[in-house]
PDB file of N, CA and C in Angstrom:
ATOM      1  N   MET A   1       7.131 -31.121   5.625  1.00  0.00           N
ATOM      2  CA  MET A   1       8.108 -30.101   5.252  1.00  0.00           C
ATOM      3  C   MET A   1       7.746 -29.496   3.902  1.00  0.00           C
ATOM      4  N   MET A   2       7.726 -28.181   3.848  1.00  0.00           N
ATOM      5  CA  MET A   2       7.375 -27.505   2.601  1.00  0.00           C
ATOM      6  C   MET A   2       8.589 -27.413   1.679  1.00  0.00           C
ATOM      7  N   GLU A   3       8.303 -27.443   0.386  1.00  0.00           N
ATOM      8  CA  GLU A   3       9.364 -27.461  -0.607  1.00  0.00           C
ATOM      9  C   GLU A   3       9.885 -26.062  -0.908  1.00  0.00           C
ATOM     10  N   LYS A   4      11.187 -25.998  -1.218  1.00  0.00           N
ATOM     11  CA  LYS A   4      11.823 -24.749  -1.623  1.00  0.00           C
ATOM     12  C   LYS A   4      11.764 -24.650  -3.143  1.00  0.00           C
ATOM     13  N   TYR A   5      11.752 -23.428  -3.633  1.00  0.00           N
ATOM     14  CA  TYR A   5      11.728 -23.186  -5.071  1.00  0.00           C
ATOM     15  C   TYR A   5      12.830 -22.211  -5.439  1.00  0.00           C
ATOM     16  N   GLU A   6      13.495 -22.476  -6.575  1.00  0.00           N
ATOM     17  CA  GLU A   6      14.622 -21.655  -7.017  1.00  0.00           C
ATOM     18  C   GLU A   6      14.292 -20.919  -8.307  1.00  0.00           C
ATOM     19  N   CYS A   7      14.669 -19.635  -8.359  1.00  0.00           N
ATOM     20  CA  CYS A   7      14.489 -18.839  -9.571  1.00  0.00           C
ATOM     21  C   CYS A   7      15.491 -19.324 -10.609  1.00  0.00           C
ATOM     22  N   SER A   8      14.991 -19.697 -11.788  1.00  0.00           N
ATOM     23  CA  SER A   8      15.879 -20.223 -12.821  1.00  0.00           C
ATOM     24  C   SER A   8      16.702 -19.120 -13.483  1.00  0.00           C
ATOM     25  N   LEU A   9      16.363 -17.856 -13.231  1.00  0.00           N
ATOM     26  CA  LEU A   9      17.127 -16.764 -13.821  1.00  0.00           C
ATOM     27  C   LEU A   9      18.297 -16.320 -12.945  1.00  0.00           C
ATOM     28  N   CYS A  10      18.062 -16.151 -11.634  1.00  0.00           N
ATOM     29  CA  CYS A  10      19.116 -15.592 -10.788  1.00  0.00           C
ATOM     30  C   CYS A  10      19.587 -16.505  -9.668  1.00  0.00           C
ATOM     31  N   GLY A  11      18.868 -17.604  -9.401  1.00  0.00           N
ATOM     32  CA  GLY A  11      19.288 -18.528  -8.372  1.00  0.00           C
ATOM     33  C   GLY A  11      18.718 -18.262  -6.987  1.00  0.00           C
ATOM     34  N   TYR A  12      17.880 -17.210  -6.846  1.00  0.00           N
ATOM     35  CA  TYR A  12      17.243 -16.952  -5.548  1.00  0.00           C
ATOM     36  C   TYR A  12      16.407 -18.163  -5.150  1.00  0.00           C
ATOM     37  N   VAL A  13      16.513 -18.580  -3.888  1.00  0.00           N
ATOM     38  CA  VAL A  13      15.735 -19.717  -3.396  1.00  0.00           C
ATOM     39  C   VAL A  13      14.663 -19.212  -2.442  1.00  0.00           C
ATOM     40  N   TYR A  14      13.406 -19.494  -2.783  1.00  0.00           N
ATOM     41  CA  TYR A  14      12.291 -19.180  -1.879  1.00  0.00           C
ATOM     42  C   TYR A  14      12.175 -20.312  -0.879  1.00  0.00           C
ATOM     43  N   ASP A  15      12.333 -19.976   0.405  1.00  0.00           N
ATOM     44  CA  ASP A  15      12.214 -20.950   1.486  1.00  0.00           C
ATOM     45  C   ASP A  15      10.941 -20.618   2.260  1.00  0.00           C
ATOM     46  N   PRO A  16       9.952 -21.522   2.249  1.00  0.00           N
ATOM     47  CA  PRO A  16       8.695 -21.251   2.947  1.00  0.00           C
ATOM     48  C   PRO A  16       8.876 -20.921   4.428  1.00  0.00           C
ATOM     49  N   ALA A  17       9.907 -21.466   5.056  1.00  0.00           N
ATOM     50  CA  ALA A  17      10.145 -21.190   6.471  1.00  0.00           C
ATOM     51  C   ALA A  17      10.452 -19.713   6.696  1.00  0.00           C
ATOM     52  N   ASP A  18      11.075 -19.080   5.705  1.00  0.00           N
ATOM     53  CA  ASP A  18      11.435 -17.660   5.805  1.00  0.00           C
ATOM     54  C   ASP A  18      10.381 -16.759   5.189  1.00  0.00           C
ATOM     55  N   GLY A  19       9.688 -17.240   4.164  1.00  0.00           N
ATOM     56  CA  GLY A  19       8.752 -16.404   3.429  1.00  0.00           C
ATOM     57  C   GLY A  19       9.494 -15.293   2.709  1.00  0.00           C
ATOM     58  N   ASP A  20       8.790 -14.204   2.443  1.00  0.00           N
ATOM     59  CA  ASP A  20       9.376 -13.010   1.823  1.00  0.00           C
ATOM     60  C   ASP A  20       8.677 -11.805   2.448  1.00  0.00           C
ATOM     61  N   PRO A  21       8.926 -11.582   3.765  1.00  0.00           N
ATOM     62  CA  PRO A  21       8.197 -10.542   4.500  1.00  0.00           C
ATOM     63  C   PRO A  21       8.296  -9.149   3.883  1.00  0.00           C
ATOM     64  N   ASP A  22       9.424  -8.853   3.233  1.00  0.00           N
ATOM     65  CA  ASP A  22       9.588  -7.531   2.618  1.00  0.00           C
ATOM     66  C   ASP A  22       8.592  -7.309   1.490  1.00  0.00           C
ATOM     67  N   ASN A  23       8.051  -8.403   0.952  1.00  0.00           N
ATOM     68  CA  ASN A  23       7.105  -8.308  -0.150  1.00  0.00           C
ATOM     69  C   ASN A  23       5.744  -8.905   0.200  1.00  0.00           C
ATOM     70  N   GLY A  24       5.445  -8.950   1.499  1.00  0.00           N
ATOM     71  CA  GLY A  24       4.113  -9.345   1.937  1.00  0.00           C
ATOM     72  C   GLY A  24       3.838 -10.826   2.045  1.00  0.00           C
ATOM     73  N   VAL A  25       4.881 -11.662   2.018  1.00  0.00           N
ATOM     74  CA  VAL A  25       4.681 -13.104   2.138  1.00  0.00           C
ATOM     75  C   VAL A  25       5.182 -13.531   3.517  1.00  0.00           C
ATOM     76  N   GLU A  26       4.258 -13.927   4.359  1.00  0.00           N
ATOM     77  CA  GLU A  26       4.583 -14.295   5.734  1.00  0.00           C
ATOM     78  C   GLU A  26       5.372 -15.603   5.797  1.00  0.00           C
ATOM     79  N   PRO A  27       6.273 -15.738   6.787  1.00  0.00           N
ATOM     80  CA  PRO A  27       6.942 -17.030   6.990  1.00  0.00           C
ATOM     81  C   PRO A  27       5.899 -18.136   7.168  1.00  0.00           C
ATOM     82  N   GLY A  28       6.196 -19.307   6.622  1.00  0.00           N
ATOM     83  CA  GLY A  28       5.272 -20.422   6.700  1.00  0.00           C
ATOM     84  C   GLY A  28       4.339 -20.524   5.503  1.00  0.00           C
ATOM     85  N   THR A  29       4.500 -19.623   4.527  1.00  0.00           N
ATOM     86  CA  THR A  29       3.646 -19.638   3.339  1.00  0.00           C
ATOM     87  C   THR A  29       4.236 -20.553   2.268  1.00  0.00           C
ATOM     88  N   ALA A  30       3.474 -21.573   1.874  1.00  0.00           N
ATOM     89  CA  ALA A  30       3.912 -22.473   0.806  1.00  0.00           C
ATOM     90  C   ALA A  30       3.991 -21.707  -0.508  1.00  0.00           C
ATOM     91  N   PHE A  31       4.910 -22.127  -1.381  1.00  0.00           N
ATOM     92  CA  PHE A  31       5.089 -21.445  -2.662  1.00  0.00           C
ATOM     93  C   PHE A  31       3.779 -21.398  -3.450  1.00  0.00           C
ATOM     94  N   ALA A  32       3.026 -22.498  -3.417  1.00  0.00           N
ATOM     95  CA  ALA A  32       1.758 -22.572  -4.160  1.00  0.00           C
ATOM     96  C   ALA A  32       0.736 -21.555  -3.650  1.00  0.00           C
ATOM     97  N   ASP A  33       0.887 -21.124  -2.399  1.00  0.00           N
ATOM     98  CA  ASP A  33      -0.074 -20.201  -1.803  1.00  0.00           C
ATOM     99  C   ASP A  33       0.294 -18.731  -1.984  1.00  0.00           C
ATOM    100  N   ILE A  34       1.449 -18.466  -2.600  1.00  0.00           N
ATOM    101  CA  ILE A  34       1.843 -17.077  -2.855  1.00  0.00           C
ATOM    102  C   ILE A  34       1.005 -16.535  -4.009  1.00  0.00           C
ATOM    103  N   SER A  35       0.649 -15.270  -3.913  1.00  0.00           N
ATOM    104  CA  SER A  35      -0.117 -14.609  -4.967  1.00  0.00           C
ATOM    105  C   SER A  35       0.559 -14.780  -6.330  1.00  0.00           C
ATOM    106  N   GLU A  36      -0.233 -14.935  -7.380  1.00  0.00           N
ATOM    107  CA  GLU A  36       0.310 -15.129  -8.727  1.00  0.00           C
ATOM    108  C   GLU A  36       1.065 -13.911  -9.240  1.00  0.00           C
ATOM    109  N   ASP A  37       0.839 -12.738  -8.643  1.00  0.00           N
ATOM    110  CA  ASP A  37       1.551 -11.538  -9.114  1.00  0.00           C
ATOM    111  C   ASP A  37       2.847 -11.284  -8.339  1.00  0.00           C
ATOM    112  N   TRP A  38       3.197 -12.194  -7.410  1.00  0.00           N
ATOM    113  CA  TRP A  38       4.469 -12.098  -6.696  1.00  0.00           C
ATOM    114  C   TRP A  38       5.603 -12.317  -7.683  1.00  0.00           C
ATOM    115  N   VAL A  39       6.708 -11.601  -7.490  1.00  0.00           N
ATOM    116  CA  VAL A  39       7.886 -11.769  -8.352  1.00  0.00           C
ATOM    117  C   VAL A  39       9.131 -11.994  -7.501  1.00  0.00           C
ATOM    118  N   CYS A  40      10.149 -12.543  -8.105  1.00  0.00           N
ATOM    119  CA  CYS A  40      11.423 -12.778  -7.436  1.00  0.00           C
ATOM    120  C   CYS A  40      11.941 -11.460  -6.860  1.00  0.00           C
ATOM    121  N   PRO A  41      12.273 -11.441  -5.553  1.00  0.00           N
ATOM    122  CA  PRO A  41      12.734 -10.201  -4.941  1.00  0.00           C
ATOM    123  C   PRO A  41      14.108  -9.746  -5.432  1.00  0.00           C
ATOM    124  N   LEU A  42      14.842 -10.620  -6.095  1.00  0.00           N
ATOM    125  CA  LEU A  42      16.162 -10.225  -6.596  1.00  0.00           C
ATOM    126  C   LEU A  42      16.139  -9.746  -8.041  1.00  0.00           C
ATOM    127  N   CYS A  43      15.419 -10.487  -8.914  1.00  0.00           N
ATOM    128  CA  CYS A  43      15.489 -10.141 -10.339  1.00  0.00           C
ATOM    129  C   CYS A  43      14.147  -9.778 -10.966  1.00  0.00           C
ATOM    130  N   GLY A  44      13.047  -9.961 -10.226  1.00  0.00           N
ATOM    131  CA  GLY A  44      11.738  -9.584 -10.752  1.00  0.00           C
ATOM    132  C   GLY A  44      11.072 -10.618 -11.640  1.00  0.00           C
ATOM    133  N   ALA A  45      11.641 -11.826 -11.710  1.00  0.00           N
ATOM    134  CA  ALA A  45      11.036 -12.881 -12.526  1.00  0.00           C
ATOM    135  C   ALA A  45       9.710 -13.336 -11.906  1.00  0.00           C
ATOM    136  N   GLY A  46       8.790 -13.772 -12.739  1.00  0.00           N
ATOM    137  CA  GLY A  46       7.500 -14.256 -12.275  1.00  0.00           C
ATOM    138  C   GLY A  46       7.589 -15.645 -11.669  1.00  0.00           C
ATOM    139  N   LYS A  47       6.504 -16.053 -11.008  1.00  0.00           N
ATOM    140  CA  LYS A  47       6.470 -17.379 -10.368  1.00  0.00           C
ATOM    141  C   LYS A  47       6.728 -18.506 -11.362  1.00  0.00           C
ATOM    142  N   ASP A  48       6.382 -18.295 -12.626  1.00  0.00           N
ATOM    143  CA  ASP A  48       6.557 -19.344 -13.634  1.00  0.00           C
ATOM    144  C   ASP A  48       8.030 -19.634 -13.934  1.00  0.00           C
ATOM    145  N   MET A  49       8.933 -18.784 -13.450  1.00  0.00           N
ATOM    146  CA  MET A  49      10.355 -18.984 -13.677  1.00  0.00           C
ATOM    147  C   MET A  49      11.021 -19.740 -12.520  1.00  0.00           C
ATOM    148  N   PHE A  50      10.207 -20.190 -11.561  1.00  0.00           N
ATOM    149  CA  PHE A  50      10.745 -20.924 -10.407  1.00  0.00           C
ATOM    150  C   PHE A  50      10.552 -22.418 -10.591  1.00  0.00           C
ATOM    151  N   GLU A  51      11.532 -23.174 -10.114  1.00  0.00           N
ATOM    152  CA  GLU A  51      11.462 -24.630 -10.177  1.00  0.00           C
ATOM    153  C   GLU A  51      11.693 -25.204  -8.791  1.00  0.00           C
ATOM    154  N   ARG A  52      11.001 -26.296  -8.487  1.00  0.00           N
ATOM    155  CA  ARG A  52      11.140 -26.929  -7.179  1.00  0.00           C
ATOM    156  C   ARG A  52      12.562 -27.444  -6.999  1.00  0.00           C
ATOM    157  N   VAL A  53      13.118 -27.204  -5.820  1.00  0.00           N
ATOM    158  CA  VAL A  53      14.453 -27.688  -5.496  1.00  0.00           C
ATOM    159  C   VAL A  53      14.335 -29.112  -4.970  1.00  0.00           C
ATOM    160  N   GLU A  54      15.103 -30.008  -5.539  1.00  0.00           N
ATOM    161  CA  GLU A  54      15.062 -31.422  -5.122  1.00  0.00           C
ATOM    162  C   GLU A  54      15.767 -31.615  -3.798  1.00  0.00           C
TER     163      GLU A  54
END
């Protein structure tokens, strides 16, 4: 099971099962495999602002 990651600024949760198709991330893509220039679709924060959800 792939881990979910939450934006520490706005609370958006990236779920690998859903991906982020609107921004070019296919369902099934692990957070680590997302391009480094991807940003939070809600607030625009960078990947460095996301933390793994326990």
